[in-house]
Structure formats: structure tokens, C-alpha cells
Amino acid sequence: MTQTLLGLIASGLILAGTLLCLIGAIGLLRLPDSYSRMHSASKAGSLGAALVLAGVATASSGEMALEALFAVLVLLATAPLAAHAVSRAAHRAGYKPRTGRLGDALAEQQAEDRTPTEGRG
């Protein structure tokens, strides 16, 4: 009974993780610019991989739980940071995002930093 329940939970986690990874992959194909694509890949891919690893830990009846937990922590800590660093480098290199009504706050901040203000000196 316990093995059946663990198998069902593991299967559910792995299925949910692969579906999130699939949604991230579809986002790579469908979203308009590199920033949106990177957001889709980093968020959905990280959470999907974390769920798959949780399913693997569950399927192994806890034998691989510590290794899977460590991998999840490393993945969730590094993937969003890497996506942010690559996005910022792309923005500095001149790749402009498609902006909506909110605008491009980073470009506005950089423009403010470049303009000299009165009273300095």
C-alpha cells in the first residue's frame, strides 16, 4: 500500500514537472522577445526540474532525497540569477525589449544616470 502511494505521488510530481518544462519550451517558441523567452525558460524550467527531482526522490523511497534536495536548491538559486545576469547583459549590449504601457525602467534609469544635474560640481 505504501509503495503504491509513493509511486502515485512520484508519478504525479514527475508528470507535473514535465508539463511545466513543456510550458517553458512552448514559451520559448511563442513569446516575442529574448527577455520574455528567457523568463519563460528560467522560471518554468527551474520549477519543472525541481518537481521532477522531487518525484525522483519520492520514487527512490528517500534513498536519493538528500542528493535531489541539494540539486533543487542549487537549481533554484542559480537559474533565476543567471537569467537576470544574461538579461542585463543583453540590455547593456543594446537589445531592447518590447515594452508595453509600463515602459523600460532600466533604460530610463540609465538615461537619468547619464544626464548631469544642476547643482553638482
C-alpha atoms as a PDB file:
ATOM      1  CA  MET A   1       0.000   0.000   0.000  1.00  0.00           C
ATOM      2  CA  THR A   2       2.768   2.443   0.940  1.00  0.00           C
ATOM      3  CA  GLN A   3       4.793   1.654  -2.178  1.00  0.00           C
ATOM      4  CA  THR A   4       1.717   2.203  -4.347  1.00  0.00           C
ATOM      5  CA  LEU A   5       1.051   5.566  -2.726  1.00  0.00           C
ATOM      6  CA  LEU A   6       4.696   6.640  -3.106  1.00  0.00           C
ATOM      7  CA  GLY A   7       4.623   5.532  -6.737  1.00  0.00           C
ATOM      8  CA  LEU A   8       1.500   7.587  -7.418  1.00  0.00           C
ATOM      9  CA  ILE A   9       2.938  10.668  -5.727  1.00  0.00           C
ATOM     10  CA  ALA A  10       6.222  10.275  -7.608  1.00  0.00           C
ATOM     11  CA  SER A  11       4.392   9.853 -10.898  1.00  0.00           C
ATOM     12  CA  GLY A  12       2.309  12.957 -10.220  1.00  0.00           C
ATOM     13  CA  LEU A  13       5.366  15.050  -9.368  1.00  0.00           C
ATOM     14  CA  ILE A  14       7.273  13.888 -12.430  1.00  0.00           C
ATOM     15  CA  LEU A  15       4.263  14.487 -14.683  1.00  0.00           C
ATOM     16  CA  ALA A  16       3.705  17.979 -13.245  1.00  0.00           C
ATOM     17  CA  GLY A  17       7.393  18.777 -13.683  1.00  0.00           C
ATOM     18  CA  THR A  18       7.469  17.647 -17.288  1.00  0.00           C
ATOM     19  CA  LEU A  19       4.319  19.636 -18.039  1.00  0.00           C
ATOM     20  CA  LEU A  20       5.929  22.775 -16.606  1.00  0.00           C
ATOM     21  CA  CYS A  21       9.052  22.143 -18.673  1.00  0.00           C
ATOM     22  CA  LEU A  22       6.825  21.733 -21.736  1.00  0.00           C
ATOM     23  CA  ILE A  23       5.086  25.038 -20.976  1.00  0.00           C
ATOM     24  CA  GLY A  24       8.502  26.703 -20.707  1.00  0.00           C
ATOM     25  CA  ALA A  25       9.524  25.224 -24.055  1.00  0.00           C
ATOM     26  CA  ILE A  26       6.326  26.460 -25.673  1.00  0.00           C
ATOM     27  CA  GLY A  27       7.075  29.882 -24.198  1.00  0.00           C
ATOM     28  CA  LEU A  28      10.460  29.827 -25.923  1.00  0.00           C
ATOM     29  CA  LEU A  29       8.708  29.370 -29.247  1.00  0.00           C
ATOM     30  CA  ARG A  30       5.765  31.714 -28.740  1.00  0.00           C
ATOM     31  CA  LEU A  31       6.987  34.746 -26.795  1.00  0.00           C
ATOM     32  CA  PRO A  32       8.002  37.874 -28.727  1.00  0.00           C
ATOM     33  CA  ASP A  33      11.455  38.868 -27.472  1.00  0.00           C
ATOM     34  CA  SER A  34      14.522  37.376 -25.849  1.00  0.00           C
ATOM     35  CA  TYR A  35      13.676  38.742 -22.410  1.00  0.00           C
ATOM     36  CA  SER A  36      10.268  37.093 -22.311  1.00  0.00           C
ATOM     37  CA  ARG A  37      11.749  33.872 -23.637  1.00  0.00           C
ATOM     38  CA  MET A  38      14.459  33.879 -21.002  1.00  0.00           C
ATOM     39  CA  HIS A  39      11.861  34.496 -18.289  1.00  0.00           C
ATOM     40  CA  SER A  40       9.804  31.558 -19.521  1.00  0.00           C
ATOM     41  CA  ALA A  41      12.768  29.235 -19.719  1.00  0.00           C
ATOM     42  CA  SER A  42      14.221  30.126 -16.340  1.00  0.00           C
ATOM     43  CA  LYS A  43      11.031  30.136 -14.288  1.00  0.00           C
ATOM     44  CA  ALA A  44       9.088  27.244 -15.801  1.00  0.00           C
ATOM     45  CA  GLY A  45      12.212  25.203 -16.463  1.00  0.00           C
ATOM     46  CA  SER A  46      13.526  25.601 -12.911  1.00  0.00           C
ATOM     47  CA  LEU A  47      10.258  24.755 -11.241  1.00  0.00           C
ATOM     48  CA  GLY A  48       9.657  21.856 -13.645  1.00  0.00           C
ATOM     49  CA  ALA A  49      13.090  20.394 -12.999  1.00  0.00           C
ATOM     50  CA  ALA A  50      12.590  20.840  -9.248  1.00  0.00           C
ATOM     51  CA  LEU A  51       9.329  18.880  -9.412  1.00  0.00           C
ATOM     52  CA  VAL A  52      10.974  16.126 -11.465  1.00  0.00           C
ATOM     53  CA  LEU A  53      13.771  15.883  -8.889  1.00  0.00           C
ATOM     54  CA  ALA A  54      11.195  15.756  -6.093  1.00  0.00           C
ATOM     55  CA  GLY A  55       9.488  12.917  -7.956  1.00  0.00           C
ATOM     56  CA  VAL A  56      12.788  11.084  -8.288  1.00  0.00           C
ATOM     57  CA  ALA A  57      13.418  11.477  -4.544  1.00  0.00           C
ATOM     58  CA  THR A  58       9.944  10.140  -3.824  1.00  0.00           C
ATOM     59  CA  ALA A  59      10.286   7.243  -6.248  1.00  0.00           C
ATOM     60  CA  SER A  60      13.552   6.175  -4.634  1.00  0.00           C
ATOM     61  CA  SER A  61      11.767   5.920  -1.261  1.00  0.00           C
ATOM     62  CA  GLY A  62      14.007   8.599   0.165  1.00  0.00           C
ATOM     63  CA  GLU A  63      17.340   6.991  -0.771  1.00  0.00           C
ATOM     64  CA  MET A  64      18.134   9.848  -3.163  1.00  0.00           C
ATOM     65  CA  ALA A  65      16.304  12.545  -1.198  1.00  0.00           C
ATOM     66  CA  LEU A  66      19.380  14.390   0.061  1.00  0.00           C
ATOM     67  CA  GLU A  67      21.006  14.483  -3.376  1.00  0.00           C
ATOM     68  CA  ALA A  68      17.763  15.606  -5.006  1.00  0.00           C
ATOM     69  CA  LEU A  69      17.233  18.301  -2.372  1.00  0.00           C
ATOM     70  CA  PHE A  70      20.743  19.634  -2.932  1.00  0.00           C
ATOM     71  CA  ALA A  71      20.197  19.670  -6.698  1.00  0.00           C
ATOM     72  CA  VAL A  72      16.879  21.508  -6.269  1.00  0.00           C
ATOM     73  CA  LEU A  73      18.485  24.136  -4.030  1.00  0.00           C
ATOM     74  CA  VAL A  74      21.326  24.714  -6.477  1.00  0.00           C
ATOM     75  CA  LEU A  75      18.920  24.873  -9.405  1.00  0.00           C
ATOM     76  CA  LEU A  76      16.501  27.277  -7.745  1.00  0.00           C
ATOM     77  CA  ALA A  77      19.349  29.512  -6.581  1.00  0.00           C
ATOM     78  CA  THR A  78      21.305  29.717  -9.821  1.00  0.00           C
ATOM     79  CA  ALA A  79      18.792  29.651 -12.692  1.00  0.00           C
ATOM     80  CA  PRO A  80      16.987  32.938 -11.901  1.00  0.00           C
ATOM     81  CA  LEU A  81      20.285  34.679 -11.127  1.00  0.00           C
ATOM     82  CA  ALA A  82      21.804  33.517 -14.395  1.00  0.00           C
ATOM     83  CA  ALA A  83      18.743  34.627 -16.355  1.00  0.00           C
ATOM     84  CA  HIS A  84      18.897  38.049 -14.708  1.00  0.00           C
ATOM     85  CA  ALA A  85      22.600  38.438 -15.487  1.00  0.00           C
ATOM     86  CA  VAL A  86      22.143  37.433 -19.131  1.00  0.00           C
ATOM     87  CA  SER A  87      19.129  39.759 -19.495  1.00  0.00           C
ATOM     88  CA  ARG A  88      21.036  42.685 -18.046  1.00  0.00           C
ATOM     89  CA  ALA A  89      23.998  41.999 -20.327  1.00  0.00           C
ATOM     90  CA  ALA A  90      21.670  41.841 -23.342  1.00  0.00           C
ATOM     91  CA  HIS A  91      20.109  45.158 -22.359  1.00  0.00           C
ATOM     92  CA  ARG A  92      23.513  46.776 -21.997  1.00  0.00           C
ATOM     93  CA  ALA A  93      24.527  45.380 -25.391  1.00  0.00           C
ATOM     94  CA  GLY A  94      21.585  47.185 -26.974  1.00  0.00           C
ATOM     95  CA  TYR A  95      18.899  44.540 -27.319  1.00  0.00           C
ATOM     96  CA  LYS A  96      15.760  46.462 -26.467  1.00  0.00           C
ATOM     97  CA  PRO A  97      12.738  44.673 -25.026  1.00  0.00           C
ATOM     98  CA  ARG A  98       9.258  45.046 -26.411  1.00  0.00           C
ATOM     99  CA  THR A  99       7.640  47.241 -23.832  1.00  0.00           C
ATOM    100  CA  GLY A 100       4.033  47.850 -23.055  1.00  0.00           C
ATOM    101  CA  ARG A 101       2.482  50.727 -21.209  1.00  0.00           C
ATOM    102  CA  LEU A 102       4.890  50.337 -18.287  1.00  0.00           C
ATOM    103  CA  GLY A 103       7.923  51.226 -20.387  1.00  0.00           C
ATOM    104  CA  ASP A 104      11.565  50.295 -19.942  1.00  0.00           C
ATOM    105  CA  ALA A 105      12.558  51.262 -16.393  1.00  0.00           C
ATOM    106  CA  LEU A 106      16.183  50.199 -16.826  1.00  0.00           C
ATOM    107  CA  ALA A 107      16.644  52.428 -19.894  1.00  0.00           C
ATOM    108  CA  GLU A 108      15.025  55.340 -18.066  1.00  0.00           C
ATOM    109  CA  GLN A 109      17.292  54.820 -15.069  1.00  0.00           C
ATOM    110  CA  GLN A 110      20.381  54.664 -17.281  1.00  0.00           C
ATOM    111  CA  ALA A 111      19.309  57.857 -19.068  1.00  0.00           C
ATOM    112  CA  GLU A 112      18.891  59.624 -15.721  1.00  0.00           C
ATOM    113  CA  ASP A 113      22.321  58.450 -14.609  1.00  0.00           C
ATOM    114  CA  ARG A 114      23.927  59.833 -17.777  1.00  0.00           C
ATOM    115  CA  THR A 115      22.378  63.325 -17.643  1.00  0.00           C
ATOM    116  CA  PRO A 116      24.238  65.831 -15.495  1.00  0.00           C
ATOM    117  CA  THR A 117      22.119  67.534 -12.859  1.00  0.00           C
ATOM    118  CA  GLU A 118      22.311  71.161 -11.886  1.00  0.00           C
ATOM    119  CA  GLY A 119      23.979  71.993  -8.621  1.00  0.00           C
ATOM    120  CA  ARG A 120      26.596  69.269  -8.861  1.00  0.00           C
ATOM    121  CA  GLY A 121      30.070  70.279  -9.044  1.00  0.00           C
END
